[in-house]
N, C-alpha and C. Protein backbone atom coordinates (compact mmCIF):
# COMPACT_ATOMS: atom_id res chain seq x y z
N UNK A 1 46.40 135.35 52.19
CA UNK A 1 45.71 134.09 51.94
C UNK A 1 44.68 134.25 50.83
N UNK A 2 43.97 135.35 50.89
CA UNK A 2 42.96 135.63 49.87
C UNK A 2 43.61 135.74 48.51
N UNK A 3 44.81 136.36 48.46
CA UNK A 3 45.51 136.52 47.19
C UNK A 3 45.91 135.16 46.61
N UNK A 4 46.31 134.24 47.45
CA UNK A 4 46.71 132.90 46.99
C UNK A 4 45.52 132.16 46.40
N UNK A 5 44.37 132.29 47.06
CA UNK A 5 43.16 131.61 46.57
C UNK A 5 42.78 132.15 45.20
N UNK A 6 42.87 133.49 45.05
CA UNK A 6 42.53 134.10 43.76
C UNK A 6 43.46 133.60 42.66
N UNK A 7 44.76 133.49 42.95
CA UNK A 7 45.72 133.00 41.97
C UNK A 7 45.43 131.55 41.56
N UNK A 8 45.06 130.74 42.53
CA UNK A 8 44.76 129.33 42.22
C UNK A 8 43.52 129.22 41.32
N UNK A 9 42.50 130.06 41.62
CA UNK A 9 41.29 130.04 40.79
C UNK A 9 41.60 130.48 39.37
N UNK A 10 42.43 131.50 39.22
CA UNK A 10 42.79 132.00 37.89
C UNK A 10 43.57 130.95 37.11
N UNK A 11 44.47 130.25 37.80
CA UNK A 11 45.25 129.21 37.13
C UNK A 11 44.36 128.07 36.67
N UNK A 12 43.37 127.70 37.48
CA UNK A 12 42.43 126.63 37.12
C UNK A 12 41.62 127.02 35.89
N UNK A 13 41.15 128.28 35.87
CA UNK A 13 40.37 128.73 34.72
C UNK A 13 41.21 128.76 33.45
N UNK A 14 42.48 129.13 33.57
CA UNK A 14 43.36 129.18 32.41
C UNK A 14 43.57 127.80 31.81
N UNK A 15 43.81 126.83 32.67
CA UNK A 15 44.00 125.45 32.19
C UNK A 15 42.73 124.91 31.58
N UNK A 16 41.60 125.20 32.17
CA UNK A 16 40.32 124.72 31.65
C UNK A 16 40.01 125.30 30.28
N UNK A 17 40.41 126.53 30.03
CA UNK A 17 40.11 127.18 28.75
C UNK A 17 41.03 126.72 27.63
N UNK A 18 42.23 126.31 27.94
CA UNK A 18 43.20 125.96 26.90
C UNK A 18 43.22 124.47 26.59
N UNK A 19 42.54 123.66 27.37
CA UNK A 19 42.54 122.21 27.15
C UNK A 19 41.18 121.77 26.67
N UNK A 20 41.14 121.18 25.43
CA UNK A 20 39.88 120.68 24.86
C UNK A 20 39.82 119.19 25.11
N UNK A 21 38.89 118.73 25.93
CA UNK A 21 38.83 117.29 26.23
C UNK A 21 38.47 116.44 25.02
N UNK A 22 37.89 117.07 23.97
CA UNK A 22 37.50 116.31 22.78
C UNK A 22 38.64 116.18 21.77
N UNK A 23 39.77 116.85 21.98
CA UNK A 23 40.89 116.78 21.04
C UNK A 23 41.69 115.51 21.28
N UNK A 24 41.82 114.64 20.26
CA UNK A 24 42.57 113.39 20.46
C UNK A 24 44.05 113.68 20.64
N UNK A 25 44.74 112.79 21.27
CA UNK A 25 46.18 112.99 21.47
C UNK A 25 46.91 112.95 20.13
N UNK A 26 48.03 113.62 20.05
CA UNK A 26 48.84 113.67 18.83
C UNK A 26 49.50 112.31 18.59
N UNK A 27 49.16 111.67 17.48
CA UNK A 27 49.72 110.36 17.16
C UNK A 27 50.57 110.51 15.90
N UNK A 28 51.75 109.97 15.94
CA UNK A 28 52.64 110.05 14.78
C UNK A 28 52.00 109.37 13.58
N UNK A 29 52.25 109.90 12.35
CA UNK A 29 51.66 109.36 11.13
C UNK A 29 52.21 107.97 10.85
N UNK A 30 51.34 107.03 10.38
CA UNK A 30 51.74 105.65 10.10
C UNK A 30 52.72 105.62 8.93
N UNK A 31 53.77 104.79 9.06
CA UNK A 31 54.77 104.67 8.00
C UNK A 31 54.19 103.91 6.82
N UNK A 32 54.43 104.41 5.61
CA UNK A 32 53.84 103.83 4.41
C UNK A 32 54.90 103.10 3.59
N UNK A 33 54.48 102.07 2.84
CA UNK A 33 55.44 101.29 2.04
C UNK A 33 55.87 102.06 0.80
N UNK A 34 56.97 101.63 0.16
CA UNK A 34 57.43 102.27 -1.09
C UNK A 34 56.47 101.96 -2.24
N UNK A 35 56.66 102.67 -3.34
CA UNK A 35 55.86 102.42 -4.54
C UNK A 35 56.33 101.13 -5.21
N UNK A 36 55.49 100.60 -6.09
CA UNK A 36 55.80 99.35 -6.79
C UNK A 36 56.85 99.60 -7.88
N UNK A 37 57.92 98.80 -7.92
CA UNK A 37 58.92 98.99 -8.98
C UNK A 37 58.34 98.67 -10.36
N UNK A 38 58.86 99.33 -11.39
CA UNK A 38 58.47 99.05 -12.77
C UNK A 38 59.62 98.36 -13.49
N UNK A 39 59.32 97.21 -14.10
CA UNK A 39 60.36 96.42 -14.76
C UNK A 39 60.81 97.09 -16.05
N UNK A 40 62.11 97.02 -16.31
CA UNK A 40 62.68 97.58 -17.54
C UNK A 40 63.14 96.50 -18.51
N UNK A 41 64.04 95.64 -18.06
CA UNK A 41 64.56 94.59 -18.94
C UNK A 41 65.01 93.40 -18.10
N UNK A 42 64.97 92.20 -18.69
CA UNK A 42 64.60 91.83 -20.06
C UNK A 42 63.10 92.04 -20.33
N UNK A 43 62.79 92.19 -21.62
CA UNK A 43 61.40 92.36 -22.01
C UNK A 43 60.63 91.05 -21.82
N UNK A 44 59.32 91.15 -21.82
CA UNK A 44 58.48 89.97 -21.66
C UNK A 44 58.57 89.08 -22.90
N UNK A 45 58.44 87.78 -22.69
CA UNK A 45 58.44 86.77 -23.76
C UNK A 45 59.71 86.81 -24.60
N UNK A 46 60.83 87.07 -23.95
CA UNK A 46 62.09 87.21 -24.66
C UNK A 46 62.78 85.86 -24.81
N UNK A 47 63.32 85.60 -26.02
CA UNK A 47 64.17 84.43 -26.26
C UNK A 47 65.61 84.90 -26.14
N UNK A 48 66.32 84.41 -25.12
CA UNK A 48 67.66 84.91 -24.79
C UNK A 48 68.73 83.95 -25.30
N UNK A 49 69.56 84.43 -26.21
CA UNK A 49 70.67 83.61 -26.70
C UNK A 49 71.82 83.59 -25.70
N UNK A 50 71.88 84.57 -24.81
CA UNK A 50 72.89 84.62 -23.76
C UNK A 50 72.20 84.30 -22.44
N UNK A 51 72.74 83.35 -21.69
CA UNK A 51 72.08 82.96 -20.44
C UNK A 51 72.57 83.75 -19.23
N UNK A 52 73.47 84.73 -19.43
CA UNK A 52 73.83 85.64 -18.34
C UNK A 52 73.04 86.93 -18.54
N UNK A 53 72.12 87.21 -17.61
CA UNK A 53 71.19 88.32 -17.79
C UNK A 53 71.31 89.33 -16.66
N UNK A 54 71.07 90.59 -17.01
CA UNK A 54 71.03 91.67 -16.03
C UNK A 54 69.58 92.14 -15.91
N UNK A 55 68.92 91.76 -14.82
CA UNK A 55 67.54 92.17 -14.59
C UNK A 55 67.53 93.62 -14.09
N UNK A 56 66.71 94.47 -14.73
CA UNK A 56 66.70 95.89 -14.39
C UNK A 56 65.26 96.37 -14.17
N UNK A 57 65.12 97.36 -13.27
CA UNK A 57 63.82 97.96 -12.99
C UNK A 57 64.01 99.41 -12.56
N UNK A 58 62.92 100.18 -12.56
CA UNK A 58 62.96 101.58 -12.16
C UNK A 58 62.90 101.69 -10.64
N UNK A 59 63.52 102.76 -10.11
CA UNK A 59 63.57 102.95 -8.66
C UNK A 59 62.18 103.26 -8.10
N UNK A 60 61.92 102.74 -6.92
CA UNK A 60 60.68 103.06 -6.20
C UNK A 60 60.88 104.33 -5.38
N UNK A 61 59.78 104.99 -5.05
CA UNK A 61 59.82 106.14 -4.16
C UNK A 61 59.15 105.77 -2.84
N UNK A 62 59.67 106.34 -1.75
CA UNK A 62 59.09 106.07 -0.44
C UNK A 62 58.47 107.36 0.10
N UNK A 63 57.18 107.35 0.44
CA UNK A 63 56.50 108.58 0.88
C UNK A 63 57.08 109.17 2.16
N UNK A 64 57.78 108.34 2.95
CA UNK A 64 58.37 108.82 4.19
C UNK A 64 59.86 109.12 4.05
N UNK A 65 60.36 108.96 2.82
CA UNK A 65 61.78 109.22 2.60
C UNK A 65 62.70 108.15 3.17
N UNK A 66 62.16 106.96 3.44
CA UNK A 66 62.98 105.88 4.00
C UNK A 66 63.88 105.28 2.92
N UNK A 67 65.04 104.75 3.31
CA UNK A 67 65.88 104.02 2.36
C UNK A 67 65.14 102.79 1.83
N UNK A 68 65.38 102.46 0.55
CA UNK A 68 64.64 101.39 -0.11
C UNK A 68 65.61 100.34 -0.65
N UNK A 69 65.27 99.07 -0.45
CA UNK A 69 65.97 97.96 -1.09
C UNK A 69 64.95 97.18 -1.92
N UNK A 70 65.44 96.20 -2.69
CA UNK A 70 64.57 95.48 -3.62
C UNK A 70 64.78 93.98 -3.49
N UNK A 71 63.68 93.26 -3.58
CA UNK A 71 63.72 91.80 -3.58
C UNK A 71 63.27 91.31 -4.95
N UNK A 72 64.13 90.52 -5.60
CA UNK A 72 63.81 89.95 -6.91
C UNK A 72 63.65 88.44 -6.76
N UNK A 73 62.65 87.90 -7.42
CA UNK A 73 62.42 86.46 -7.45
C UNK A 73 62.43 85.99 -8.91
N UNK A 74 63.16 84.91 -9.16
CA UNK A 74 63.19 84.28 -10.48
C UNK A 74 62.83 82.81 -10.28
N UNK A 75 61.81 82.35 -11.01
CA UNK A 75 61.32 80.98 -10.83
C UNK A 75 61.13 80.31 -12.17
N UNK A 76 60.96 78.99 -12.13
CA UNK A 76 60.72 78.22 -13.35
C UNK A 76 59.24 78.02 -13.63
N UNK A 77 58.38 78.59 -12.78
CA UNK A 77 56.94 78.49 -13.00
C UNK A 77 56.29 79.82 -12.65
N UNK A 78 55.10 80.03 -13.19
CA UNK A 78 54.44 81.33 -13.06
C UNK A 78 53.87 81.60 -11.67
N UNK A 79 53.69 80.57 -10.84
CA UNK A 79 53.21 80.82 -9.48
C UNK A 79 54.35 80.86 -8.46
N UNK A 80 55.59 80.80 -8.95
CA UNK A 80 56.80 80.96 -8.13
C UNK A 80 56.89 79.93 -7.00
N UNK A 81 56.40 78.73 -7.28
CA UNK A 81 56.56 77.64 -6.32
C UNK A 81 57.86 76.88 -6.56
N UNK A 82 58.38 76.96 -7.79
CA UNK A 82 59.65 76.32 -8.13
C UNK A 82 60.69 77.43 -8.32
N UNK A 83 61.20 77.94 -7.20
CA UNK A 83 62.07 79.11 -7.22
C UNK A 83 63.46 78.75 -7.72
N UNK A 84 63.97 79.57 -8.65
CA UNK A 84 65.34 79.37 -9.14
C UNK A 84 66.33 80.17 -8.29
N UNK A 85 66.02 81.44 -8.04
CA UNK A 85 66.85 82.20 -7.10
C UNK A 85 66.11 83.45 -6.63
N UNK A 86 66.49 83.93 -5.45
CA UNK A 86 65.99 85.20 -4.92
C UNK A 86 67.19 86.04 -4.52
N UNK A 87 66.99 87.36 -4.53
CA UNK A 87 68.09 88.25 -4.18
C UNK A 87 67.51 89.53 -3.59
N UNK A 88 68.23 90.14 -2.66
CA UNK A 88 67.85 91.44 -2.12
C UNK A 88 69.01 92.39 -2.35
N UNK A 89 68.74 93.49 -3.05
CA UNK A 89 69.79 94.42 -3.44
C UNK A 89 69.35 95.85 -3.15
N UNK A 90 70.33 96.74 -3.05
CA UNK A 90 70.04 98.16 -2.86
C UNK A 90 70.05 98.91 -4.19
N UNK A 91 70.47 98.22 -5.26
CA UNK A 91 70.50 98.82 -6.59
C UNK A 91 69.23 98.44 -7.35
N UNK A 92 69.08 98.98 -8.56
CA UNK A 92 67.91 98.67 -9.38
C UNK A 92 68.25 97.67 -10.47
N UNK A 93 69.13 96.73 -10.15
CA UNK A 93 69.44 95.66 -11.09
C UNK A 93 70.01 94.47 -10.31
N UNK A 94 69.96 93.31 -10.96
CA UNK A 94 70.53 92.10 -10.38
C UNK A 94 71.01 91.22 -11.52
N UNK A 95 72.29 90.87 -11.50
CA UNK A 95 72.88 90.06 -12.56
C UNK A 95 72.87 88.60 -12.15
N UNK A 96 72.49 87.72 -13.09
CA UNK A 96 72.38 86.30 -12.76
C UNK A 96 72.64 85.44 -13.98
N UNK A 97 73.34 84.32 -13.78
CA UNK A 97 73.55 83.34 -14.83
C UNK A 97 72.48 82.26 -14.70
N UNK A 98 71.68 82.09 -15.75
CA UNK A 98 70.59 81.12 -15.75
C UNK A 98 71.00 79.85 -16.48
N UNK A 99 70.27 78.79 -16.21
CA UNK A 99 70.50 77.55 -16.94
C UNK A 99 69.97 77.68 -18.36
N UNK A 100 70.60 76.98 -19.28
CA UNK A 100 70.20 77.06 -20.68
C UNK A 100 69.01 76.16 -20.97
N UNK A 101 68.22 76.59 -21.96
CA UNK A 101 67.11 75.78 -22.43
C UNK A 101 65.95 75.68 -21.47
N UNK A 102 65.65 76.76 -20.71
CA UNK A 102 64.56 76.70 -19.74
C UNK A 102 63.73 77.98 -19.77
N UNK A 103 62.48 77.84 -19.28
CA UNK A 103 61.60 78.99 -19.09
C UNK A 103 61.84 79.60 -17.72
N UNK A 104 61.73 80.93 -17.64
CA UNK A 104 61.88 81.63 -16.37
C UNK A 104 60.81 82.71 -16.24
N UNK A 105 60.42 82.98 -14.99
CA UNK A 105 59.48 84.04 -14.66
C UNK A 105 60.11 84.88 -13.56
N UNK A 106 59.90 86.22 -13.61
CA UNK A 106 60.52 87.07 -12.60
C UNK A 106 59.65 88.27 -12.26
N UNK A 107 59.81 88.76 -11.03
CA UNK A 107 59.17 89.99 -10.59
C UNK A 107 59.98 90.56 -9.44
N UNK A 108 59.65 91.81 -9.06
CA UNK A 108 60.43 92.55 -8.06
C UNK A 108 59.46 93.29 -7.14
N UNK A 109 59.84 93.44 -5.86
CA UNK A 109 59.10 94.31 -4.95
C UNK A 109 60.10 95.15 -4.15
N UNK A 110 59.62 96.28 -3.63
CA UNK A 110 60.46 97.19 -2.86
C UNK A 110 60.21 97.02 -1.37
N UNK A 111 61.21 97.37 -0.56
CA UNK A 111 61.13 97.26 0.89
C UNK A 111 61.82 98.46 1.52
N UNK A 112 61.17 99.10 2.52
CA UNK A 112 61.84 100.20 3.21
C UNK A 112 62.51 99.68 4.48
N UNK A 113 63.26 100.56 5.15
CA UNK A 113 64.03 100.11 6.31
C UNK A 113 63.16 99.89 7.55
N UNK A 114 61.85 100.15 7.43
CA UNK A 114 60.92 99.84 8.52
C UNK A 114 60.28 98.46 8.34
N UNK A 115 60.66 97.78 7.24
CA UNK A 115 60.11 96.45 6.99
C UNK A 115 58.82 96.44 6.20
N UNK A 116 58.44 97.58 5.62
CA UNK A 116 57.22 97.65 4.81
C UNK A 116 57.53 97.28 3.36
N UNK A 117 56.70 96.41 2.78
CA UNK A 117 56.89 95.95 1.40
C UNK A 117 55.85 96.58 0.48
N UNK A 118 56.29 96.87 -0.74
CA UNK A 118 55.33 97.22 -1.79
C UNK A 118 54.72 95.94 -2.33
N UNK A 119 53.72 96.08 -3.19
CA UNK A 119 53.23 94.91 -3.92
C UNK A 119 54.29 94.51 -4.95
N UNK A 120 54.19 93.28 -5.45
CA UNK A 120 55.12 92.85 -6.49
C UNK A 120 54.80 93.56 -7.80
N UNK A 121 55.82 93.73 -8.59
CA UNK A 121 55.66 94.30 -9.93
C UNK A 121 54.90 93.32 -10.82
N UNK A 122 54.69 93.71 -12.05
CA UNK A 122 54.17 92.77 -13.04
C UNK A 122 55.13 91.58 -13.16
N UNK A 123 54.63 90.46 -13.63
CA UNK A 123 55.46 89.29 -13.87
C UNK A 123 55.85 89.24 -15.34
N UNK A 124 57.12 88.93 -15.61
CA UNK A 124 57.58 88.73 -16.97
C UNK A 124 58.20 87.35 -17.10
N UNK A 125 58.18 86.82 -18.32
CA UNK A 125 58.79 85.52 -18.56
C UNK A 125 59.81 85.63 -19.68
N UNK A 126 60.71 84.67 -19.72
CA UNK A 126 61.73 84.61 -20.77
C UNK A 126 62.14 83.16 -20.95
N UNK A 127 62.86 82.91 -22.06
CA UNK A 127 63.35 81.56 -22.35
C UNK A 127 64.80 81.65 -22.77
N UNK A 128 65.65 80.80 -22.18
CA UNK A 128 67.06 80.80 -22.54
C UNK A 128 67.32 79.72 -23.59
N UNK A 129 68.18 80.06 -24.54
CA UNK A 129 68.51 79.13 -25.62
C UNK A 129 69.26 77.93 -25.08
N UNK A 130 68.97 76.75 -25.65
CA UNK A 130 69.66 75.53 -25.23
C UNK A 130 71.06 75.44 -25.79
N UNK A 131 71.76 74.38 -25.41
CA UNK A 131 73.11 74.16 -25.91
C UNK A 131 73.07 73.96 -27.43
N UNK A 132 73.96 74.66 -28.11
CA UNK A 132 74.02 74.52 -29.56
C UNK A 132 74.65 73.17 -29.93
N UNK A 133 74.11 72.56 -30.96
CA UNK A 133 74.61 71.25 -31.40
C UNK A 133 75.01 71.36 -32.87
N UNK A 134 76.25 70.98 -33.17
CA UNK A 134 76.72 70.95 -34.55
C UNK A 134 76.64 69.52 -35.06
N UNK A 135 75.95 69.35 -36.17
CA UNK A 135 75.76 68.01 -36.72
C UNK A 135 76.26 67.96 -38.15
N UNK A 136 77.13 67.00 -38.42
CA UNK A 136 77.61 66.79 -39.78
C UNK A 136 76.65 65.87 -40.52
N UNK A 137 76.36 66.21 -41.77
CA UNK A 137 75.47 65.37 -42.57
C UNK A 137 76.18 64.07 -42.96
N UNK A 138 75.41 63.00 -43.15
CA UNK A 138 76.03 61.76 -43.63
C UNK A 138 76.69 61.96 -45.00
N UNK A 139 77.69 61.14 -45.27
CA UNK A 139 78.36 61.21 -46.57
C UNK A 139 77.42 60.71 -47.67
N UNK A 140 77.66 61.18 -48.89
CA UNK A 140 76.86 60.72 -50.04
C UNK A 140 77.08 59.22 -50.23
N UNK A 141 76.02 58.44 -50.36
CA UNK A 141 76.20 56.99 -50.51
C UNK A 141 76.94 56.62 -51.80
N UNK A 142 77.75 55.56 -51.69
CA UNK A 142 78.52 55.06 -52.83
C UNK A 142 77.98 53.68 -53.23
N UNK A 143 77.93 53.44 -54.52
CA UNK A 143 77.41 52.18 -55.05
C UNK A 143 78.40 51.04 -54.83
N UNK A 144 77.88 49.91 -54.34
CA UNK A 144 78.68 48.68 -54.22
C UNK A 144 78.16 47.62 -55.19
N UNK A 145 76.84 47.46 -55.24
CA UNK A 145 76.26 46.43 -56.11
C UNK A 145 74.85 46.84 -56.51
N UNK A 146 74.44 46.60 -57.77
CA UNK A 146 75.22 45.97 -58.86
C UNK A 146 76.12 46.99 -59.56
N UNK A 147 77.31 46.57 -59.87
CA UNK A 147 78.25 47.48 -60.53
C UNK A 147 78.07 47.46 -62.04
N UNK A 148 77.52 46.36 -62.60
CA UNK A 148 77.30 46.30 -64.04
C UNK A 148 75.93 46.86 -64.38
N UNK A 149 75.79 47.34 -65.59
CA UNK A 149 74.53 47.95 -66.01
C UNK A 149 73.48 46.92 -66.38
N UNK A 150 73.91 45.68 -66.68
CA UNK A 150 72.96 44.64 -67.08
C UNK A 150 73.10 43.46 -66.14
N UNK A 151 71.98 42.96 -65.64
CA UNK A 151 71.98 41.79 -64.77
C UNK A 151 71.20 40.68 -65.46
N UNK A 152 71.59 39.45 -65.19
CA UNK A 152 71.01 38.32 -65.92
C UNK A 152 70.11 37.47 -65.03
N UNK A 153 69.56 38.04 -63.99
CA UNK A 153 68.70 37.28 -63.09
C UNK A 153 67.56 38.17 -62.60
N UNK A 154 66.55 37.54 -62.01
CA UNK A 154 65.37 38.27 -61.55
C UNK A 154 65.51 38.72 -60.10
N UNK A 155 66.67 38.47 -59.50
CA UNK A 155 66.90 38.88 -58.12
C UNK A 155 68.22 39.64 -58.05
N UNK A 156 68.19 40.79 -57.39
CA UNK A 156 69.39 41.63 -57.28
C UNK A 156 69.52 42.12 -55.84
N UNK A 157 70.74 42.01 -55.33
CA UNK A 157 71.02 42.52 -53.98
C UNK A 157 71.64 43.92 -54.11
N UNK A 158 70.83 44.93 -53.83
CA UNK A 158 71.33 46.30 -53.88
C UNK A 158 72.20 46.56 -52.65
N UNK A 159 73.38 47.11 -52.87
CA UNK A 159 74.28 47.43 -51.76
C UNK A 159 74.91 48.80 -51.99
N UNK A 160 75.13 49.49 -50.90
CA UNK A 160 75.78 50.80 -50.94
C UNK A 160 76.55 51.00 -49.63
N UNK A 161 77.36 52.02 -49.59
CA UNK A 161 78.07 52.34 -48.36
C UNK A 161 78.08 53.85 -48.15
N UNK A 162 78.16 54.24 -46.89
CA UNK A 162 78.24 55.66 -46.53
C UNK A 162 78.89 55.75 -45.16
N UNK A 163 79.02 56.94 -44.64
CA UNK A 163 79.62 57.14 -43.32
C UNK A 163 79.06 58.42 -42.71
N UNK A 164 79.31 58.59 -41.41
CA UNK A 164 78.87 59.79 -40.71
C UNK A 164 79.99 60.26 -39.79
N UNK A 165 80.40 61.53 -39.95
CA UNK A 165 81.53 62.06 -39.19
C UNK A 165 81.26 62.09 -37.69
N UNK A 166 79.98 62.14 -37.30
CA UNK A 166 79.63 62.19 -35.87
C UNK A 166 79.31 60.81 -35.31
N UNK A 167 79.46 59.78 -36.15
CA UNK A 167 79.12 58.40 -35.75
C UNK A 167 77.67 58.28 -35.30
N UNK A 168 76.79 59.06 -35.94
CA UNK A 168 75.36 58.95 -35.63
C UNK A 168 74.80 57.65 -36.21
N UNK A 169 73.70 57.19 -35.63
CA UNK A 169 73.00 56.03 -36.17
C UNK A 169 72.35 56.43 -37.49
N UNK A 170 72.54 55.60 -38.52
CA UNK A 170 72.03 55.91 -39.85
C UNK A 170 70.90 54.96 -40.24
N UNK A 171 69.92 55.51 -40.94
CA UNK A 171 68.88 54.70 -41.57
C UNK A 171 68.77 55.13 -43.03
N UNK A 172 68.08 54.30 -43.83
CA UNK A 172 68.10 54.52 -45.28
C UNK A 172 66.69 54.41 -45.85
N UNK A 173 66.39 55.33 -46.76
CA UNK A 173 65.15 55.25 -47.54
C UNK A 173 65.54 54.85 -48.97
N UNK A 174 64.92 53.78 -49.45
CA UNK A 174 65.21 53.28 -50.79
C UNK A 174 64.13 53.72 -51.76
N UNK A 175 64.56 54.35 -52.85
CA UNK A 175 63.66 54.75 -53.93
C UNK A 175 63.94 53.84 -55.12
N UNK A 176 62.88 53.25 -55.69
CA UNK A 176 63.09 52.24 -56.73
C UNK A 176 61.90 52.21 -57.67
N UNK A 177 62.19 51.95 -58.97
CA UNK A 177 61.11 51.81 -59.93
C UNK A 177 61.63 51.86 -61.35
N UNK A 178 60.71 51.86 -62.29
CA UNK A 178 61.08 51.89 -63.70
C UNK A 178 61.15 53.31 -64.25
N UNK A 179 60.80 54.29 -63.42
CA UNK A 179 60.90 55.70 -63.83
C UNK A 179 62.29 56.22 -63.47
N UNK A 180 62.79 57.17 -64.27
CA UNK A 180 64.10 57.74 -63.95
C UNK A 180 64.04 58.71 -62.77
N UNK A 181 62.83 58.88 -62.22
CA UNK A 181 62.65 59.60 -60.96
C UNK A 181 61.89 58.67 -60.01
N UNK A 182 62.59 57.66 -59.47
CA UNK A 182 61.91 56.59 -58.73
C UNK A 182 61.22 57.10 -57.47
N UNK A 183 60.13 56.41 -57.12
CA UNK A 183 59.37 56.75 -55.92
C UNK A 183 59.88 55.96 -54.72
N UNK A 184 59.46 56.40 -53.54
CA UNK A 184 59.87 55.73 -52.30
C UNK A 184 59.37 54.28 -52.32
N UNK A 185 60.30 53.37 -52.06
CA UNK A 185 59.98 51.94 -52.12
C UNK A 185 60.03 51.30 -50.72
N UNK A 186 61.09 51.57 -49.96
CA UNK A 186 61.22 51.08 -48.59
C UNK A 186 61.80 52.20 -47.73
N UNK A 187 61.27 52.32 -46.51
CA UNK A 187 61.65 53.44 -45.64
C UNK A 187 62.32 52.93 -44.37
N UNK A 188 63.29 53.70 -43.89
CA UNK A 188 63.96 53.44 -42.61
C UNK A 188 64.62 52.06 -42.54
N UNK A 189 65.32 51.72 -43.60
CA UNK A 189 66.10 50.48 -43.58
C UNK A 189 67.28 50.65 -42.62
N UNK A 190 67.55 49.60 -41.84
CA UNK A 190 68.65 49.69 -40.87
C UNK A 190 69.99 49.31 -41.50
N UNK A 191 69.96 48.51 -42.56
CA UNK A 191 71.20 48.04 -43.20
C UNK A 191 71.36 48.68 -44.58
N UNK A 192 72.61 48.89 -45.01
CA UNK A 192 72.85 49.50 -46.33
C UNK A 192 72.76 48.48 -47.47
N UNK A 193 71.68 47.75 -47.50
CA UNK A 193 71.47 46.77 -48.57
C UNK A 193 70.00 46.38 -48.60
N UNK A 194 69.58 45.89 -49.78
CA UNK A 194 68.21 45.41 -49.90
C UNK A 194 68.13 44.47 -51.10
N UNK A 195 67.46 43.31 -50.92
CA UNK A 195 67.33 42.32 -51.98
C UNK A 195 66.02 42.54 -52.73
N UNK A 196 66.14 42.76 -54.04
CA UNK A 196 64.96 42.89 -54.90
C UNK A 196 64.68 41.54 -55.54
N UNK A 197 63.43 41.16 -55.59
CA UNK A 197 63.04 39.88 -56.21
C UNK A 197 61.95 40.12 -57.25
N UNK A 198 61.73 39.08 -58.05
CA UNK A 198 60.66 39.09 -59.07
C UNK A 198 60.80 40.26 -60.04
N UNK A 199 62.04 40.51 -60.44
CA UNK A 199 62.26 41.56 -61.43
C UNK A 199 61.82 41.07 -62.81
N UNK A 200 61.28 41.96 -63.60
CA UNK A 200 60.86 41.62 -64.95
C UNK A 200 62.07 41.60 -65.88
N UNK A 201 62.04 40.73 -66.86
CA UNK A 201 63.14 40.65 -67.82
C UNK A 201 63.08 41.82 -68.79
N UNK A 202 64.25 42.11 -69.35
CA UNK A 202 64.38 43.16 -70.36
C UNK A 202 63.72 44.48 -69.90
N UNK A 203 64.04 44.86 -68.67
CA UNK A 203 63.45 46.07 -68.09
C UNK A 203 64.54 46.91 -67.44
N UNK A 204 64.47 48.20 -67.63
CA UNK A 204 65.41 49.12 -66.99
C UNK A 204 64.83 49.59 -65.65
N UNK A 205 65.67 49.54 -64.62
CA UNK A 205 65.25 49.97 -63.29
C UNK A 205 66.15 51.11 -62.81
N UNK A 206 65.56 51.97 -62.00
CA UNK A 206 66.29 53.11 -61.44
C UNK A 206 66.14 53.08 -59.91
N UNK A 207 67.20 53.49 -59.23
CA UNK A 207 67.12 53.49 -57.77
C UNK A 207 68.11 54.49 -57.17
N UNK A 208 67.78 54.91 -56.01
CA UNK A 208 68.68 55.78 -55.24
C UNK A 208 68.41 55.59 -53.76
N UNK A 209 69.30 56.13 -52.93
CA UNK A 209 69.21 55.98 -51.48
C UNK A 209 69.31 57.36 -50.82
N UNK A 210 68.43 57.60 -49.87
CA UNK A 210 68.54 58.78 -49.00
C UNK A 210 69.00 58.32 -47.63
N UNK A 211 70.07 58.96 -47.13
CA UNK A 211 70.65 58.58 -45.83
C UNK A 211 70.20 59.58 -44.78
N UNK A 212 69.75 59.07 -43.62
CA UNK A 212 69.28 59.93 -42.53
C UNK A 212 70.05 59.59 -41.25
N UNK A 213 70.52 60.63 -40.54
CA UNK A 213 71.16 60.35 -39.25
C UNK A 213 70.19 60.62 -38.11
N UNK A 214 70.60 60.24 -36.90
CA UNK A 214 69.71 60.31 -35.74
C UNK A 214 69.47 61.72 -35.23
N UNK A 215 70.18 62.72 -35.80
CA UNK A 215 69.99 64.11 -35.38
C UNK A 215 69.20 64.91 -36.42
N UNK A 216 68.65 64.22 -37.40
CA UNK A 216 67.83 64.89 -38.40
C UNK A 216 68.56 65.26 -39.67
N UNK A 217 69.85 64.93 -39.77
CA UNK A 217 70.60 65.21 -40.99
C UNK A 217 70.18 64.27 -42.12
N UNK A 218 70.06 64.80 -43.33
CA UNK A 218 69.61 64.01 -44.49
C UNK A 218 70.53 64.28 -45.67
N UNK A 219 70.96 63.20 -46.33
CA UNK A 219 71.76 63.30 -47.55
C UNK A 219 71.09 62.47 -48.64
N UNK A 220 70.85 63.09 -49.79
CA UNK A 220 70.19 62.42 -50.91
C UNK A 220 71.26 61.93 -51.88
N UNK A 221 71.21 60.64 -52.19
CA UNK A 221 72.17 60.05 -53.11
C UNK A 221 71.78 60.24 -54.57
N UNK A 222 72.72 59.91 -55.45
CA UNK A 222 72.46 60.02 -56.88
C UNK A 222 71.62 58.84 -57.35
N UNK A 223 71.09 58.95 -58.57
CA UNK A 223 70.27 57.88 -59.15
C UNK A 223 71.17 56.89 -59.89
N UNK A 224 71.00 55.60 -59.56
CA UNK A 224 71.70 54.53 -60.26
C UNK A 224 70.69 53.76 -61.11
N UNK A 225 71.21 53.01 -62.08
CA UNK A 225 70.32 52.25 -62.96
C UNK A 225 70.95 50.92 -63.34
N UNK A 226 70.11 49.94 -63.62
CA UNK A 226 70.55 48.67 -64.19
C UNK A 226 69.40 48.12 -65.04
N UNK A 227 69.73 47.13 -65.87
CA UNK A 227 68.74 46.54 -66.77
C UNK A 227 68.81 45.03 -66.69
N UNK A 228 67.66 44.41 -66.67
CA UNK A 228 67.60 42.95 -66.69
C UNK A 228 67.56 42.47 -68.15
N UNK A 229 68.14 41.28 -68.40
CA UNK A 229 68.11 40.77 -69.78
C UNK A 229 67.17 39.58 -69.89
């Protein structure tokens, strides 16, 4: 009996010496998020002639060795309230066809398989080229009236004709005067004619027409002349 008591006392002392009541329990280390991805391409402030783009970034590292995926956001505004598309991928790129003629903003963040997110990368913006438009210039104006070089009255109805291969709306600027390099006389005429009045007798006049279409095309006509008697 005495031997049993001695063994119990020794066991108690052994446990008391090896256990520190001030030592906190072993707690597993907290899982940490991946590093922030670094954007590669497209570059910032890029004007893109091709609207199919491959967004690329550098791989993130995870301090715990967890698998990493990436979330990309592309929006039409810098605060990402007007989202164009989002994607989650396991690669370091995302291919997307964008609408033409618009501004876009994009950024990326990393995510590990524990649900921890990195901060978002820097934000970059780009602009896609709009639809290309081919516009044919108006034809060179042809003289209709006056066809003779000398007129016998103080009033003349100037007339010309032209055409536009795209059927654009045409307007006309009339240049008129006594100089062989006439100055602008009437602008944005809707009809290919104009009546001149109160012409001086025995005077040479010069005139030409510039034709403008509704898409900005401009054709300058040749200089015509007539003389009053």
